[in-house]
Amino acid sequence: MSVDTGSSADISYLSTYDKLQLPLSHIQPIATPLIGFTGHVVYPLGIATLYFIVEEGKRIATIKAQFTVVDINDSSYNGLLGRPILTVLRAIVSPLHLKLKFLTSEDIGEACRN
């Protein structure tokens, strides 16, 4: 996953959704297009409610999140984490350090890019 603090949506690519072996019937259709920074318009397949887990050792945060599912195959990521998930996780992102700090029920976890 990639973190995009400018995105107002959490995105999952259809190829990622397929790898999870989830039925397409769980995707709720939506008619709202996504418009990127360059003005490029993408029409999503819909919204899927999924559990999202971020962890570092024993520090784990699990949330239920709504991912907008799009059929785009030109990305090296599984999806994008936008402001909705970052807000729920109460996360702090440091792009310079490639780190994400997040709250758990007991502590603060830290996810780093490998």
PDB file of N, CA and C in Angstrom:
ATOM      1  N   MET A   1       0.837  -1.179   0.000  1.00  0.00           N
ATOM      2  CA  MET A   1       0.000   0.000   0.000  1.00  0.00           C
ATOM      3  C   MET A   1       0.880   1.240   0.000  1.00  0.00           C
ATOM      4  N   SER A   2       0.370   2.240  -0.630  1.00  0.00           N
ATOM      5  CA  SER A   2       1.043   3.532  -0.633  1.00  0.00           C
ATOM      6  C   SER A   2       0.178   4.502   0.160  1.00  0.00           C
ATOM      7  N   VAL A   3       0.810   5.453   0.805  1.00  0.00           N
ATOM      8  CA  VAL A   3       0.082   6.464   1.568  1.00  0.00           C
ATOM      9  C   VAL A   3       0.023   7.735   0.737  1.00  0.00           C
ATOM     10  N   ASP A   4      -1.187   8.276   0.588  1.00  0.00           N
ATOM     11  CA  ASP A   4      -1.390   9.516  -0.148  1.00  0.00           C
ATOM     12  C   ASP A   4      -2.200  10.452   0.735  1.00  0.00           C
ATOM     13  N   THR A   5      -1.514  11.359   1.419  1.00  0.00           N
ATOM     14  CA  THR A   5      -2.200  12.249   2.360  1.00  0.00           C
ATOM     15  C   THR A   5      -3.096  13.261   1.654  1.00  0.00           C
ATOM     16  N   GLY A   6      -2.986  13.365   0.336  1.00  0.00           N
ATOM     17  CA  GLY A   6      -3.837  14.275  -0.413  1.00  0.00           C
ATOM     18  C   GLY A   6      -5.098  13.621  -0.945  1.00  0.00           C
ATOM     19  N   SER A   7      -5.216  12.311  -0.786  1.00  0.00           N
ATOM     20  CA  SER A   7      -6.364  11.590  -1.326  1.00  0.00           C
ATOM     21  C   SER A   7      -7.533  11.595  -0.349  1.00  0.00           C
ATOM     22  N   SER A   8      -8.708  11.896  -0.865  1.00  0.00           N
ATOM     23  CA  SER A   8      -9.914  11.884  -0.026  1.00  0.00           C
ATOM     24  C   SER A   8     -10.595  10.528  -0.046  1.00  0.00           C
ATOM     25  N   ALA A   9      -9.947   9.523  -0.645  1.00  0.00           N
ATOM     26  CA  ALA A   9     -10.510   8.177  -0.703  1.00  0.00           C
ATOM     27  C   ALA A   9      -9.415   7.150  -0.434  1.00  0.00           C
ATOM     28  N   ASP A  10      -9.823   6.032   0.133  1.00  0.00           N
ATOM     29  CA  ASP A  10      -8.943   4.880   0.284  1.00  0.00           C
ATOM     30  C   ASP A  10      -9.228   3.981  -0.910  1.00  0.00           C
ATOM     31  N   ILE A  11      -8.195   3.621  -1.643  1.00  0.00           N
ATOM     32  CA  ILE A  11      -8.358   2.930  -2.920  1.00  0.00           C
ATOM     33  C   ILE A  11      -7.809   1.513  -2.847  1.00  0.00           C
ATOM     34  N   SER A  12      -8.569   0.573  -3.375  1.00  0.00           N
ATOM     35  CA  SER A  12      -8.087  -0.790  -3.575  1.00  0.00           C
ATOM     36  C   SER A  12      -8.230  -1.094  -5.056  1.00  0.00           C
ATOM     37  N   TYR A  13      -7.184  -1.663  -5.631  1.00  0.00           N
ATOM     38  CA  TYR A  13      -7.257  -2.044  -7.027  1.00  0.00           C
ATOM     39  C   TYR A  13      -7.993  -3.370  -7.147  1.00  0.00           C
ATOM     40  N   LEU A  14      -8.690  -3.563  -8.249  1.00  0.00           N
ATOM     41  CA  LEU A  14      -9.459  -4.785  -8.464  1.00  0.00           C
ATOM     42  C   LEU A  14      -8.559  -6.015  -8.388  1.00  0.00           C
ATOM     43  N   SER A  15      -7.336  -5.921  -8.889  1.00  0.00           N
ATOM     44  CA  SER A  15      -6.409  -7.061  -8.830  1.00  0.00           C
ATOM     45  C   SER A  15      -6.108  -7.446  -7.375  1.00  0.00           C
ATOM     46  N   THR A  16      -6.020  -6.479  -6.490  1.00  0.00           N
ATOM     47  CA  THR A  16      -5.803  -6.748  -5.061  1.00  0.00           C
ATOM     48  C   THR A  16      -7.039  -7.397  -4.465  1.00  0.00           C
ATOM     49  N   TYR A  17      -8.198  -6.862  -4.791  1.00  0.00           N
ATOM     50  CA  TYR A  17      -9.466  -7.408  -4.307  1.00  0.00           C
ATOM     51  C   TYR A  17      -9.609  -8.864  -4.746  1.00  0.00           C
ATOM     52  N   ASP A  18      -9.244  -9.157  -5.998  1.00  0.00           N
ATOM     53  CA  ASP A  18      -9.310 -10.531  -6.520  1.00  0.00           C
ATOM     54  C   ASP A  18      -8.359 -11.465  -5.769  1.00  0.00           C
ATOM     55  N   LYS A  19      -7.160 -10.971  -5.422  1.00  0.00           N
ATOM     56  CA  LYS A  19      -6.185 -11.787  -4.692  1.00  0.00           C
ATOM     57  C   LYS A  19      -6.702 -12.165  -3.304  1.00  0.00           C
ATOM     58  N   LEU A  20      -7.564 -11.337  -2.745  1.00  0.00           N
ATOM     59  CA  LEU A  20      -8.169 -11.634  -1.439  1.00  0.00           C
ATOM     60  C   LEU A  20      -9.279 -12.675  -1.568  1.00  0.00           C
ATOM     61  N   GLN A  21      -9.621 -13.039  -2.787  1.00  0.00           N
ATOM     62  CA  GLN A  21     -10.658 -14.028  -3.100  1.00  0.00           C
ATOM     63  C   GLN A  21     -12.007 -13.662  -2.491  1.00  0.00           C
ATOM     64  N   LEU A  22     -12.329 -12.388  -2.610  1.00  0.00           N
ATOM     65  CA  LEU A  22     -13.617 -11.904  -2.124  1.00  0.00           C
ATOM     66  C   LEU A  22     -14.592 -11.833  -3.296  1.00  0.00           C
ATOM     67  N   PRO A  23     -15.852 -12.110  -3.051  1.00  0.00           N
ATOM     68  CA  PRO A  23     -16.823 -12.065  -4.156  1.00  0.00           C
ATOM     69  C   PRO A  23     -17.098 -10.629  -4.617  1.00  0.00           C
ATOM     70  N   LEU A  24     -17.236 -10.464  -5.918  1.00  0.00           N
ATOM     71  CA  LEU A  24     -17.537  -9.144  -6.464  1.00  0.00           C
ATOM     72  C   LEU A  24     -18.893  -8.632  -5.984  1.00  0.00           C
ATOM     73  N   SER A  25     -19.749  -9.538  -5.543  1.00  0.00           N
ATOM     74  CA  SER A  25     -21.076  -9.135  -5.060  1.00  0.00           C
ATOM     75  C   SER A  25     -20.996  -8.299  -3.782  1.00  0.00           C
ATOM     76  N   HIS A  26     -19.842  -8.296  -3.102  1.00  0.00           N
ATOM     77  CA  HIS A  26     -19.665  -7.485  -1.888  1.00  0.00           C
ATOM     78  C   HIS A  26     -19.328  -6.034  -2.204  1.00  0.00           C
ATOM     79  N   ILE A  27     -19.069  -5.748  -3.475  1.00  0.00           N
ATOM     80  CA  ILE A  27     -18.774  -4.372  -3.875  1.00  0.00           C
ATOM     81  C   ILE A  27     -20.093  -3.657  -4.151  1.00  0.00           C
ATOM     82  N   GLN A  28     -20.333  -2.583  -3.401  1.00  0.00           N
ATOM     83  CA  GLN A  28     -21.553  -1.793  -3.565  1.00  0.00           C
ATOM     84  C   GLN A  28     -21.315  -0.743  -4.645  1.00  0.00           C
ATOM     85  N   PRO A  29     -22.121  -0.736  -5.695  1.00  0.00           N
ATOM     86  CA  PRO A  29     -21.888   0.215  -6.796  1.00  0.00           C
ATOM     87  C   PRO A  29     -22.033   1.670  -6.348  1.00  0.00           C
ATOM     88  N   ILE A  30     -21.228   2.535  -6.951  1.00  0.00           N
ATOM     89  CA  ILE A  30     -21.360   3.980  -6.741  1.00  0.00           C
ATOM     90  C   ILE A  30     -21.242   4.649  -8.109  1.00  0.00           C
ATOM     91  N   ALA A  31     -21.798   5.837  -8.215  1.00  0.00           N
ATOM     92  CA  ALA A  31     -21.795   6.544  -9.494  1.00  0.00           C
ATOM     93  C   ALA A  31     -20.850   7.743  -9.492  1.00  0.00           C
ATOM     94  N   THR A  32     -20.132   7.951  -8.410  1.00  0.00           N
ATOM     95  CA  THR A  32     -19.258   9.113  -8.290  1.00  0.00           C
ATOM     96  C   THR A  32     -17.877   8.817  -8.861  1.00  0.00           C
ATOM     97  N   PRO A  33     -17.429   9.575  -9.840  1.00  0.00           N
ATOM     98  CA  PRO A  33     -16.095   9.344 -10.391  1.00  0.00           C
ATOM     99  C   PRO A  33     -15.013   9.887  -9.469  1.00  0.00           C
ATOM    100  N   LEU A  34     -13.801   9.364  -9.622  1.00  0.00           N
ATOM    101  CA  LEU A  34     -12.637   9.883  -8.911  1.00  0.00           C
ATOM    102  C   LEU A  34     -11.863  10.760  -9.886  1.00  0.00           C
ATOM    103  N   ILE A  35     -11.446  11.910  -9.400  1.00  0.00           N
ATOM    104  CA  ILE A  35     -10.696  12.826 -10.238  1.00  0.00           C
ATOM    105  C   ILE A  35      -9.331  13.035  -9.612  1.00  0.00           C
ATOM    106  N   GLY A  36      -8.293  12.727 -10.366  1.00  0.00           N
ATOM    107  CA  GLY A  36      -6.928  12.831  -9.874  1.00  0.00           C
ATOM    108  C   GLY A  36      -6.374  14.232  -9.974  1.00  0.00           C
ATOM    109  N   PHE A  37      -5.164  14.390  -9.498  1.00  0.00           N
ATOM    110  CA  PHE A  37      -4.482  15.677  -9.481  1.00  0.00           C
ATOM    111  C   PHE A  37      -4.350  16.266 -10.880  1.00  0.00           C
ATOM    112  N   THR A  38      -4.143  15.412 -11.868  1.00  0.00           N
ATOM    113  CA  THR A  38      -3.973  15.885 -13.249  1.00  0.00           C
ATOM    114  C   THR A  38      -5.304  16.082 -13.968  1.00  0.00           C
ATOM    115  N   GLY A  39      -6.399  15.797 -13.291  1.00  0.00           N
ATOM    116  CA  GLY A  39      -7.716  15.929 -13.902  1.00  0.00           C
ATOM    117  C   GLY A  39      -8.200  14.649 -14.553  1.00  0.00           C
ATOM    118  N   HIS A  40      -7.393  13.599 -14.494  1.00  0.00           N
ATOM    119  CA  HIS A  40      -7.772  12.303 -15.059  1.00  0.00           C
ATOM    120  C   HIS A  40      -8.957  11.734 -14.273  1.00  0.00           C
ATOM    121  N   VAL A  41      -9.976  11.257 -14.961  1.00  0.00           N
ATOM    122  CA  VAL A  41     -11.190  10.741 -14.322  1.00  0.00           C
ATOM    123  C   VAL A  41     -11.173   9.210 -14.368  1.00  0.00           C
ATOM    124  N   VAL A  42     -11.468   8.590 -13.217  1.00  0.00           N
ATOM    125  CA  VAL A  42     -11.578   7.133 -13.110  1.00  0.00           C
ATOM    126  C   VAL A  42     -12.960   6.820 -12.550  1.00  0.00           C
ATOM    127  N   TYR A  43     -13.654   5.888 -13.181  1.00  0.00           N
ATOM    128  CA  TYR A  43     -14.968   5.470 -12.693  1.00  0.00           C
ATOM    129  C   TYR A  43     -14.799   4.185 -11.885  1.00  0.00           C
ATOM    130  N   PRO A  44     -15.020   4.255 -10.571  1.00  0.00           N
ATOM    131  CA  PRO A  44     -14.826   3.078  -9.729  1.00  0.00           C
ATOM    132  C   PRO A  44     -15.902   2.029  -9.946  1.00  0.00           C
ATOM    133  N   LEU A  45     -15.540   0.782  -9.610  1.00  0.00           N
ATOM    134  CA  LEU A  45     -16.513  -0.307  -9.651  1.00  0.00           C
ATOM    135  C   LEU A  45     -17.493  -0.181  -8.496  1.00  0.00           C
ATOM    136  N   GLY A  46     -17.032   0.373  -7.371  1.00  0.00           N
ATOM    137  CA  GLY A  46     -17.880   0.547  -6.197  1.00  0.00           C
ATOM    138  C   GLY A  46     -17.061   0.635  -4.936  1.00  0.00           C
ATOM    139  N   ILE A  47     -17.741   0.415  -3.820  1.00  0.00           N
ATOM    140  CA  ILE A  47     -17.105   0.504  -2.500  1.00  0.00           C
ATOM    141  C   ILE A  47     -17.226  -0.844  -1.803  1.00  0.00           C
ATOM    142  N   ALA A  48     -16.117  -1.278  -1.213  1.00  0.00           N
ATOM    143  CA  ALA A  48     -16.097  -2.526  -0.443  1.00  0.00           C
ATOM    144  C   ALA A  48     -15.659  -2.205   0.986  1.00  0.00           C
ATOM    145  N   THR A  49     -16.378  -2.746   1.945  1.00  0.00           N
ATOM    146  CA  THR A  49     -16.003  -2.579   3.346  1.00  0.00           C
ATOM    147  C   THR A  49     -15.104  -3.740   3.732  1.00  0.00           C
ATOM    148  N   LEU A  50     -13.884  -3.407   4.129  1.00  0.00           N
ATOM    149  CA  LEU A  50     -12.875  -4.408   4.461  1.00  0.00           C
ATOM    150  C   LEU A  50     -12.226  -4.080   5.796  1.00  0.00           C
ATOM    151  N   TYR A  51     -11.680  -5.093   6.432  1.00  0.00           N
ATOM    152  CA  TYR A  51     -10.882  -4.845   7.626  1.00  0.00           C
ATOM    153  C   TYR A  51      -9.468  -4.520   7.184  1.00  0.00           C
ATOM    154  N   PHE A  52      -8.901  -3.489   7.770  1.00  0.00           N
ATOM    155  CA  PHE A  52      -7.541  -3.074   7.468  1.00  0.00           C
ATOM    156  C   PHE A  52      -6.708  -3.216   8.734  1.00  0.00           C
ATOM    157  N   ILE A  53      -5.576  -3.886   8.600  1.00  0.00           N
ATOM    158  CA  ILE A  53      -4.706  -4.134   9.756  1.00  0.00           C
ATOM    159  C   ILE A  53      -3.342  -3.531   9.472  1.00  0.00           C
ATOM    160  N   VAL A  54      -2.847  -2.753  10.413  1.00  0.00           N
ATOM    161  CA  VAL A  54      -1.481  -2.248  10.350  1.00  0.00           C
ATOM    162  C   VAL A  54      -0.798  -2.709  11.634  1.00  0.00           C
ATOM    163  N   GLU A  55       0.417  -3.239  11.486  1.00  0.00           N
ATOM    164  CA  GLU A  55       1.069  -3.791  12.669  1.00  0.00           C
ATOM    165  C   GLU A  55       2.574  -3.610  12.630  1.00  0.00           C
ATOM    166  N   GLU A  56       3.113  -3.589  13.828  1.00  0.00           N
ATOM    167  CA  GLU A  56       4.554  -3.573  14.037  1.00  0.00           C
ATOM    168  C   GLU A  56       4.793  -4.433  15.273  1.00  0.00           C
ATOM    169  N   GLY A  57       5.269  -5.636  15.058  1.00  0.00           N
ATOM    170  CA  GLY A  57       5.462  -6.546  16.183  1.00  0.00           C
ATOM    171  C   GLY A  57       4.144  -6.814  16.887  1.00  0.00           C
ATOM    172  N   LYS A  58       4.101  -6.520  18.193  1.00  0.00           N
ATOM    173  CA  LYS A  58       2.880  -6.730  18.976  1.00  0.00           C
ATOM    174  C   LYS A  58       1.923  -5.548  18.896  1.00  0.00           C
ATOM    175  N   ARG A  59       2.353  -4.463  18.278  1.00  0.00           N
ATOM    176  CA  ARG A  59       1.495  -3.281  18.148  1.00  0.00           C
ATOM    177  C   ARG A  59       0.643  -3.433  16.896  1.00  0.00           C
ATOM    178  N   ILE A  60      -0.660  -3.577  17.108  1.00  0.00           N
ATOM    179  CA  ILE A  60      -1.585  -3.833  16.002  1.00  0.00           C
ATOM    180  C   ILE A  60      -2.792  -2.906  16.119  1.00  0.00           C
ATOM    181  N   ALA A  61      -3.187  -2.358  14.985  1.00  0.00           N
ATOM    182  CA  ALA A  61      -4.425  -1.582  14.907  1.00  0.00           C
ATOM    183  C   ALA A  61      -5.267  -2.189  13.793  1.00  0.00           C
ATOM    184  N   THR A  62      -6.505  -2.517  14.097  1.00  0.00           N
ATOM    185  CA  THR A  62      -7.436  -3.081  13.120  1.00  0.00           C
ATOM    186  C   THR A  62      -8.646  -2.164  13.029  1.00  0.00           C
ATOM    187  N   ILE A  63      -8.988  -1.777  11.815  1.00  0.00           N
ATOM    188  CA  ILE A  63     -10.163  -0.934  11.620  1.00  0.00           C
ATOM    189  C   ILE A  63     -10.981  -1.475  10.458  1.00  0.00           C
ATOM    190  N   LYS A  64     -12.245  -1.130  10.447  1.00  0.00           N
ATOM    191  CA  LYS A  64     -13.121  -1.441   9.324  1.00  0.00           C
ATOM    192  C   LYS A  64     -13.120  -0.194   8.444  1.00  0.00           C
ATOM    193  N   ALA A  65     -12.801  -0.378   7.166  1.00  0.00           N
ATOM    194  CA  ALA A  65     -12.680   0.774   6.279  1.00  0.00           C
ATOM    195  C   ALA A  65     -13.402   0.527   4.969  1.00  0.00           C
ATOM    196  N   GLN A  66     -13.827   1.603   4.358  1.00  0.00           N
ATOM    197  CA  GLN A  66     -14.472   1.519   3.056  1.00  0.00           C
ATOM    198  C   GLN A  66     -13.450   1.874   1.979  1.00  0.00           C
ATOM    199  N   PHE A  67     -13.151   0.897   1.136  1.00  0.00           N
ATOM    200  CA  PHE A  67     -12.219   1.095   0.037  1.00  0.00           C
ATOM    201  C   PHE A  67     -12.995   1.281  -1.254  1.00  0.00           C
ATOM    202  N   THR A  68     -12.596   2.263  -2.018  1.00  0.00           N
ATOM    203  CA  THR A  68     -13.139   2.444  -3.353  1.00  0.00           C
ATOM    204  C   THR A  68     -12.353   1.512  -4.271  1.00  0.00           C
ATOM    205  N   VAL A  69     -13.055   0.615  -4.950  1.00  0.00           N
ATOM    206  CA  VAL A  69     -12.406  -0.386  -5.801  1.00  0.00           C
ATOM    207  C   VAL A  69     -12.385   0.126  -7.244  1.00  0.00           C
ATOM    208  N   VAL A  70     -11.172   0.172  -7.802  1.00  0.00           N
ATOM    209  CA  VAL A  70     -11.005   0.635  -9.180  1.00  0.00           C
ATOM    210  C   VAL A  70     -10.277  -0.433  -9.994  1.00  0.00           C
ATOM    211  N   ASP A  71     -10.586  -0.480 -11.267  1.00  0.00           N
ATOM    212  CA  ASP A  71      -9.957  -1.452 -12.162  1.00  0.00           C
ATOM    213  C   ASP A  71      -8.823  -0.767 -12.920  1.00  0.00           C
ATOM    214  N   ILE A  72      -7.696  -0.604 -12.233  1.00  0.00           N
ATOM    215  CA  ILE A  72      -6.495   0.007 -12.803  1.00  0.00           C
ATOM    216  C   ILE A  72      -5.359  -0.971 -12.584  1.00  0.00           C
ATOM    217  N   ASN A  73      -4.608  -1.251 -13.607  1.00  0.00           N
ATOM    218  CA  ASN A  73      -3.542  -2.249 -13.489  1.00  0.00           C
ATOM    219  C   ASN A  73      -2.146  -1.685 -13.682  1.00  0.00           C
ATOM    220  N   ASP A  74      -1.988  -0.378 -13.680  1.00  0.00           N
ATOM    221  CA  ASP A  74      -0.669   0.196 -13.941  1.00  0.00           C
ATOM    222  C   ASP A  74       0.014   0.724 -12.676  1.00  0.00           C
ATOM    223  N   SER A  75      -0.225   0.093 -11.555  1.00  0.00           N
ATOM    224  CA  SER A  75       0.384   0.544 -10.308  1.00  0.00           C
ATOM    225  C   SER A  75       1.223  -0.571  -9.697  1.00  0.00           C
ATOM    226  N   SER A  76       2.290  -0.188  -9.039  1.00  0.00           N
ATOM    227  CA  SER A  76       3.125  -1.175  -8.350  1.00  0.00           C
ATOM    228  C   SER A  76       2.656  -1.380  -6.911  1.00  0.00           C
ATOM    229  N   TYR A  77       1.573  -0.711  -6.530  1.00  0.00           N
ATOM    230  CA  TYR A  77       1.023  -0.830  -5.180  1.00  0.00           C
ATOM    231  C   TYR A  77      -0.260  -1.652  -5.198  1.00  0.00           C
ATOM    232  N   ASN A  78      -0.686  -2.102  -4.022  1.00  0.00           N
ATOM    233  CA  ASN A  78      -1.956  -2.811  -3.879  1.00  0.00           C
ATOM    234  C   ASN A  78      -3.124  -1.841  -3.783  1.00  0.00           C
ATOM    235  N   GLY A  79      -2.810  -0.620  -3.409  1.00  0.00           N
ATOM    236  CA  GLY A  79      -3.841   0.388  -3.237  1.00  0.00           C
ATOM    237  C   GLY A  79      -3.255   1.640  -2.622  1.00  0.00           C
ATOM    238  N   LEU A  80      -4.134   2.573  -2.285  1.00  0.00           N
ATOM    239  CA  LEU A  80      -3.717   3.827  -1.676  1.00  0.00           C
ATOM    240  C   LEU A  80      -4.457   4.039  -0.366  1.00  0.00           C
ATOM    241  N   LEU A  81      -3.716   4.417   0.649  1.00  0.00           N
ATOM    242  CA  LEU A  81      -4.329   4.820   1.909  1.00  0.00           C
ATOM    243  C   LEU A  81      -4.450   6.328   1.882  1.00  0.00           C
ATOM    244  N   GLY A  82      -5.670   6.804   1.977  1.00  0.00           N
ATOM    245  CA  GLY A  82      -5.918   8.243   1.953  1.00  0.00           C
ATOM    246  C   GLY A  82      -6.275   8.771   3.333  1.00  0.00           C
ATOM    247  N   ARG A  83      -6.816   9.965   3.349  1.00  0.00           N
ATOM    248  CA  ARG A  83      -7.141  10.618   4.614  1.00  0.00           C
ATOM    249  C   ARG A  83      -8.160   9.863   5.469  1.00  0.00           C
ATOM    250  N   PRO A  84      -9.161   9.168   4.885  1.00  0.00           N
ATOM    251  CA  PRO A  84     -10.124   8.490   5.762  1.00  0.00           C
ATOM    252  C   PRO A  84      -9.477   7.476   6.716  1.00  0.00           C
ATOM    253  N   ILE A  85      -8.633   6.592   6.205  1.00  0.00           N
ATOM    254  CA  ILE A  85      -7.982   5.602   7.078  1.00  0.00           C
ATOM    255  C   ILE A  85      -6.987   6.271   8.005  1.00  0.00           C
ATOM    256  N   LEU A  86      -6.224   7.220   7.488  1.00  0.00           N
ATOM    257  CA  LEU A  86      -5.238   7.905   8.324  1.00  0.00           C
ATOM    258  C   LEU A  86      -5.907   8.619   9.490  1.00  0.00           C
ATOM    259  N   THR A  87      -7.093   9.168   9.247  1.00  0.00           N
ATOM    260  CA  THR A  87      -7.829   9.853  10.311  1.00  0.00           C
ATOM    261  C   THR A  87      -8.307   8.865  11.368  1.00  0.00           C
ATOM    262  N   VAL A  88      -8.883   7.762  10.947  1.00  0.00           N
ATOM    263  CA  VAL A  88      -9.370   6.757  11.898  1.00  0.00           C
ATOM    264  C   VAL A  88      -8.217   6.179  12.716  1.00  0.00           C
ATOM    265  N   LEU A  89      -7.092   5.931  12.063  1.00  0.00           N
ATOM    266  CA  LEU A  89      -5.915   5.401  12.765  1.00  0.00           C
ATOM    267  C   LEU A  89      -5.240   6.461  13.633  1.00  0.00           C
ATOM    268  N   ARG A  90      -5.635   7.719  13.441  1.00  0.00           N
ATOM    269  CA  ARG A  90      -4.975   8.846  14.104  1.00  0.00           C
ATOM    270  C   ARG A  90      -3.474   8.771  13.814  1.00  0.00           C
ATOM    271  N   ALA A  91      -3.176   8.574  12.528  1.00  0.00           N
ATOM    272  CA  ALA A  91      -1.806   8.326  12.082  1.00  0.00           C
ATOM    273  C   ALA A  91      -1.068   9.620  11.746  1.00  0.00           C
ATOM    274  N   ILE A  92       0.222   9.563  11.911  1.00  0.00           N
ATOM    275  CA  ILE A  92       1.129  10.629  11.514  1.00  0.00           C
ATOM    276  C   ILE A  92       2.045  10.048  10.441  1.00  0.00           C
ATOM    277  N   VAL A  93       2.162  10.736   9.320  1.00  0.00           N
ATOM    278  CA  VAL A  93       2.957  10.245   8.202  1.00  0.00           C
ATOM    279  C   VAL A  93       4.190  11.126   8.037  1.00  0.00           C
ATOM    280  N   SER A  94       5.341  10.480   7.843  1.00  0.00           N
ATOM    281  CA  SER A  94       6.574  11.191   7.527  1.00  0.00           C
ATOM    282  C   SER A  94       7.090  10.661   6.192  1.00  0.00           C
ATOM    283  N   PRO A  95       6.743  11.331   5.083  1.00  0.00           N
ATOM    284  CA  PRO A  95       7.222  10.868   3.782  1.00  0.00           C
ATOM    285  C   PRO A  95       8.743  10.850   3.682  1.00  0.00           C
ATOM    286  N   LEU A  96       9.397  11.807   4.305  1.00  0.00           N
ATOM    287  CA  LEU A  96      10.853  11.876   4.264  1.00  0.00           C
ATOM    288  C   LEU A  96      11.500  10.625   4.847  1.00  0.00           C
ATOM    289  N   HIS A  97      10.902  10.123   5.943  1.00  0.00           N
ATOM    290  CA  HIS A  97      11.445   8.946   6.622  1.00  0.00           C
ATOM    291  C   HIS A  97      10.765   7.644   6.218  1.00  0.00           C
ATOM    292  N   LEU A  98       9.765   7.731   5.320  1.00  0.00           N
ATOM    293  CA  LEU A  98       8.978   6.575   4.892  1.00  0.00           C
ATOM    294  C   LEU A  98       8.412   5.823   6.093  1.00  0.00           C
ATOM    295  N   LYS A  99       7.819   6.587   7.037  1.00  0.00           N
ATOM    296  CA  LYS A  99       7.263   6.002   8.253  1.00  0.00           C
ATOM    297  C   LYS A  99       5.840   6.479   8.474  1.00  0.00           C
ATOM    298  N   LEU A 100       5.088   5.628   9.151  1.00  0.00           N
ATOM    299  CA  LEU A 100       3.725   5.926   9.544  1.00  0.00           C
ATOM    300  C   LEU A 100       3.601   5.536  11.013  1.00  0.00           C
ATOM    301  N   LYS A 101       3.253   6.495  11.859  1.00  0.00           N
ATOM    302  CA  LYS A 101       3.016   6.175  13.270  1.00  0.00           C
ATOM    303  C   LYS A 101       1.509   6.138  13.473  1.00  0.00           C
ATOM    304  N   PHE A 102       1.046   5.141  14.244  1.00  0.00           N
ATOM    305  CA  PHE A 102      -0.387   4.940  14.416  1.00  0.00           C
ATOM    306  C   PHE A 102      -0.692   4.547  15.852  1.00  0.00           C
ATOM    307  N   LEU A 103      -1.899   4.857  16.283  1.00  0.00           N
ATOM    308  CA  LEU A 103      -2.332   4.501  17.639  1.00  0.00           C
ATOM    309  C   LEU A 103      -2.881   3.084  17.667  1.00  0.00           C
ATOM    310  N   THR A 104      -2.552   2.370  18.728  1.00  0.00           N
ATOM    311  CA  THR A 104      -3.172   1.076  18.995  1.00  0.00           C
ATOM    312  C   THR A 104      -3.965   1.245  20.278  1.00  0.00           C
ATOM    313  N   SER A 105      -4.592   0.181  20.732  1.00  0.00           N
ATOM    314  CA  SER A 105      -5.374   0.302  21.965  1.00  0.00           C
ATOM    315  C   SER A 105      -4.501   0.522  23.189  1.00  0.00           C
ATOM    316  N   GLU A 106      -3.215   0.212  23.094  1.00  0.00           N
ATOM    317  CA  GLU A 106      -2.333   0.339  24.255  1.00  0.00           C
ATOM    318  C   GLU A 106      -1.111   1.218  24.047  1.00  0.00           C
ATOM    319  N   ASP A 107      -0.739   1.494  22.786  1.00  0.00           N
ATOM    320  CA  ASP A 107       0.554   2.091  22.544  1.00  0.00           C
ATOM    321  C   ASP A 107       0.566   2.807  21.189  1.00  0.00           C
ATOM    322  N   ILE A 108       1.727   3.208  20.754  1.00  0.00           N
ATOM    323  CA  ILE A 108       1.916   3.788  19.431  1.00  0.00           C
ATOM    324  C   ILE A 108       2.792   2.848  18.620  1.00  0.00           C
ATOM    325  N   GLY A 109       2.309   2.475  17.434  1.00  0.00           N
ATOM    326  CA  GLY A 109       3.073   1.612  16.539  1.00  0.00           C
ATOM    327  C   GLY A 109       3.723   2.433  15.438  1.00  0.00           C
ATOM    328  N   GLU A 110       4.669   1.825  14.763  1.00  0.00           N
ATOM    329  CA  GLU A 110       5.377   2.504  13.691  1.00  0.00           C
ATOM    330  C   GLU A 110       5.570   1.547  12.527  1.00  0.00           C
ATOM    331  N   ALA A 111       5.066   1.912  11.372  1.00  0.00           N
ATOM    332  CA  ALA A 111       5.243   1.096  10.174  1.00  0.00           C
ATOM    333  C   ALA A 111       6.247   1.805   9.280  1.00  0.00           C
ATOM    334  N   CYS A 112       7.205   1.034   8.781  1.00  0.00           N
ATOM    335  CA  CYS A 112       8.248   1.585   7.913  1.00  0.00           C
ATOM    336  C   CYS A 112       8.243   0.887   6.578  1.00  0.00           C
ATOM    337  N   ARG A 113       8.634   1.593   5.548  1.00  0.00           N
ATOM    338  CA  ARG A 113       8.764   0.949   4.247  1.00  0.00           C
ATOM    339  C   ARG A 113      10.015   0.123   4.242  1.00  0.00           C
ATOM    340  N   ASN A 114       9.893  -1.109   3.779  1.00  0.00           N
ATOM    341  CA  ASN A 114      11.056  -2.012   3.735  1.00  0.00           C
ATOM    342  C   ASN A 114      11.843  -1.819   2.479  1.00  0.00           C
TER     343      ASN A 114
END
